């Protein structure tokens, strides 16, 4: 066993996937999964995020989803 017992499945936009692939090839990484793990490690370390700090996944989108999006910084999840 390699210590990776959990599988995480995510959906990406074409732009997000291109960014990951560009990072992967620029850093000569063998797989997309390796690139994603490295980007997660770098991002979490640079943000000083620790488990249980109250962060929400919507705070970490690569691209804004436009007006009326949950990524616009509105903390109230209920529609207006």
C-alpha atoms as a PDB file:
ATOM      1  CA  UNK A   1       0.000   0.000   0.000  1.00  0.00           C
ATOM      2  CA  UNK A   2       1.333   3.454  -0.902  1.00  0.00           C
ATOM      3  CA  UNK A   3      -0.335   5.521   1.847  1.00  0.00           C
ATOM      4  CA  UNK A   4      -2.960   6.934  -0.486  1.00  0.00           C
ATOM      5  CA  UNK A   5      -6.111   5.253   0.737  1.00  0.00           C
ATOM      6  CA  UNK A   6      -8.623   7.979  -0.154  1.00  0.00           C
ATOM      7  CA  UNK A   7      -9.815   8.925  -3.618  1.00  0.00           C
ATOM      8  CA  UNK A   8     -10.918  12.484  -4.346  1.00  0.00           C
ATOM      9  CA  UNK A   9     -12.908  13.140  -7.469  1.00  0.00           C
ATOM     10  CA  UNK A  10     -13.274  16.744  -8.680  1.00  0.00           C
ATOM     11  CA  UNK A  11     -14.757  18.504 -11.682  1.00  0.00           C
ATOM     12  CA  UNK A  12     -12.596  21.119 -13.433  1.00  0.00           C
ATOM     13  CA  UNK A  13     -13.231  23.691 -16.100  1.00  0.00           C
ATOM     14  CA  UNK A  14     -11.100  23.447 -19.252  1.00  0.00           C
ATOM     15  CA  UNK A  15      -9.141  26.503 -18.053  1.00  0.00           C
ATOM     16  CA  UNK A  16      -8.398  24.936 -14.656  1.00  0.00           C
ATOM     17  CA  UNK A  17      -7.292  21.692 -16.290  1.00  0.00           C
ATOM     18  CA  UNK A  18      -4.991  23.623 -18.655  1.00  0.00           C
ATOM     19  CA  UNK A  19      -3.365  25.367 -15.677  1.00  0.00           C
ATOM     20  CA  UNK A  20      -2.752  22.038 -13.960  1.00  0.00           C
ATOM     21  CA  UNK A  21      -1.358  20.486 -17.145  1.00  0.00           C
ATOM     22  CA  UNK A  22       0.923  23.494 -17.747  1.00  0.00           C
ATOM     23  CA  UNK A  23       2.230  23.232 -14.180  1.00  0.00           C
ATOM     24  CA  UNK A  24       2.683  19.488 -14.589  1.00  0.00           C
ATOM     25  CA  UNK A  25       4.698  19.730 -17.798  1.00  0.00           C
ATOM     26  CA  UNK A  26       6.739  22.753 -16.654  1.00  0.00           C
ATOM     27  CA  UNK A  27       7.759  20.795 -13.562  1.00  0.00           C
ATOM     28  CA  UNK A  28       8.188  17.453 -15.350  1.00  0.00           C
ATOM     29  CA  UNK A  29       5.667  15.660 -13.164  1.00  0.00           C
ATOM     30  CA  UNK A  30       4.587  12.147 -14.155  1.00  0.00           C
ATOM     31  CA  UNK A  31       0.818  12.522 -13.663  1.00  0.00           C
ATOM     32  CA  UNK A  32      -1.951  15.055 -13.184  1.00  0.00           C
ATOM     33  CA  UNK A  33      -2.518  13.581  -9.741  1.00  0.00           C
ATOM     34  CA  UNK A  34       1.084  14.346  -8.768  1.00  0.00           C
ATOM     35  CA  UNK A  35       0.671  17.911 -10.030  1.00  0.00           C
ATOM     36  CA  UNK A  36      -2.563  18.371  -8.086  1.00  0.00           C
ATOM     37  CA  UNK A  37      -0.991  16.999  -4.897  1.00  0.00           C
ATOM     38  CA  UNK A  38       1.970  19.374  -5.288  1.00  0.00           C
ATOM     39  CA  UNK A  39      -0.285  22.363  -5.996  1.00  0.00           C
ATOM     40  CA  UNK A  40      -2.386  21.526  -2.940  1.00  0.00           C
ATOM     41  CA  UNK A  41       0.722  21.248  -0.801  1.00  0.00           C
ATOM     42  CA  UNK A  42       2.103  24.571  -2.079  1.00  0.00           C
ATOM     43  CA  UNK A  43      -1.216  26.380  -1.786  1.00  0.00           C
ATOM     44  CA  UNK A  44      -1.966  25.202   1.713  1.00  0.00           C
ATOM     45  CA  UNK A  45       1.537  26.005   2.927  1.00  0.00           C
ATOM     46  CA  UNK A  46       1.532  29.494   1.400  1.00  0.00           C
ATOM     47  CA  UNK A  47      -1.884  30.283   2.875  1.00  0.00           C
ATOM     48  CA  UNK A  48      -0.924  28.960   6.298  1.00  0.00           C
ATOM     49  CA  UNK A  49      -4.060  26.824   6.332  1.00  0.00           C
ATOM     50  CA  UNK A  50      -4.390  24.171   8.982  1.00  0.00           C
ATOM     51  CA  UNK A  51      -7.194  21.629   9.400  1.00  0.00           C
ATOM     52  CA  UNK A  52     -10.265  23.027  11.118  1.00  0.00           C
ATOM     53  CA  UNK A  53      -9.539  26.737  10.493  1.00  0.00           C
ATOM     54  CA  UNK A  54     -13.058  27.411   9.191  1.00  0.00           C
ATOM     55  CA  UNK A  55     -12.068  27.772   5.540  1.00  0.00           C
ATOM     56  CA  UNK A  56     -14.713  26.942   2.943  1.00  0.00           C
ATOM     57  CA  UNK A  57     -14.064  25.285  -0.387  1.00  0.00           C
ATOM     58  CA  UNK A  58     -15.791  28.178  -2.196  1.00  0.00           C
ATOM     59  CA  UNK A  59     -12.926  30.435  -1.062  1.00  0.00           C
ATOM     60  CA  UNK A  60     -10.500  28.609  -3.333  1.00  0.00           C
ATOM     61  CA  UNK A  61     -11.880  28.656  -6.883  1.00  0.00           C
ATOM     62  CA  UNK A  62      -9.268  29.353  -9.539  1.00  0.00           C
ATOM     63  CA  UNK A  63     -11.699  31.448 -11.586  1.00  0.00           C
ATOM     64  CA  UNK A  64     -14.666  33.592 -10.582  1.00  0.00           C
ATOM     65  CA  UNK A  65     -17.999  32.296 -11.781  1.00  0.00           C
ATOM     66  CA  UNK A  66     -19.375  35.760 -12.492  1.00  0.00           C
ATOM     67  CA  UNK A  67     -22.216  37.811 -10.995  1.00  0.00           C
ATOM     68  CA  UNK A  68     -24.379  36.212  -8.333  1.00  0.00           C
ATOM     69  CA  UNK A  69     -21.817  33.465  -7.794  1.00  0.00           C
ATOM     70  CA  UNK A  70     -20.994  31.850  -4.483  1.00  0.00           C
ATOM     71  CA  UNK A  71     -17.386  32.919  -5.199  1.00  0.00           C
ATOM     72  CA  UNK A  72     -18.221  36.645  -5.157  1.00  0.00           C
ATOM     73  CA  UNK A  73     -17.523  36.805  -1.427  1.00  0.00           C
ATOM     74  CA  UNK A  74     -21.128  36.728  -0.217  1.00  0.00           C
ATOM     75  CA  UNK A  75     -21.072  34.765   3.028  1.00  0.00           C
ATOM     76  CA  UNK A  76     -24.846  34.230   3.002  1.00  0.00           C
ATOM     77  CA  UNK A  77     -25.529  30.988   1.048  1.00  0.00           C
ATOM     78  CA  UNK A  78     -29.246  31.729   0.705  1.00  0.00           C
ATOM     79  CA  UNK A  79     -30.408  33.412  -2.515  1.00  0.00           C
ATOM     80  CA  UNK A  80     -31.543  37.043  -2.319  1.00  0.00           C
END
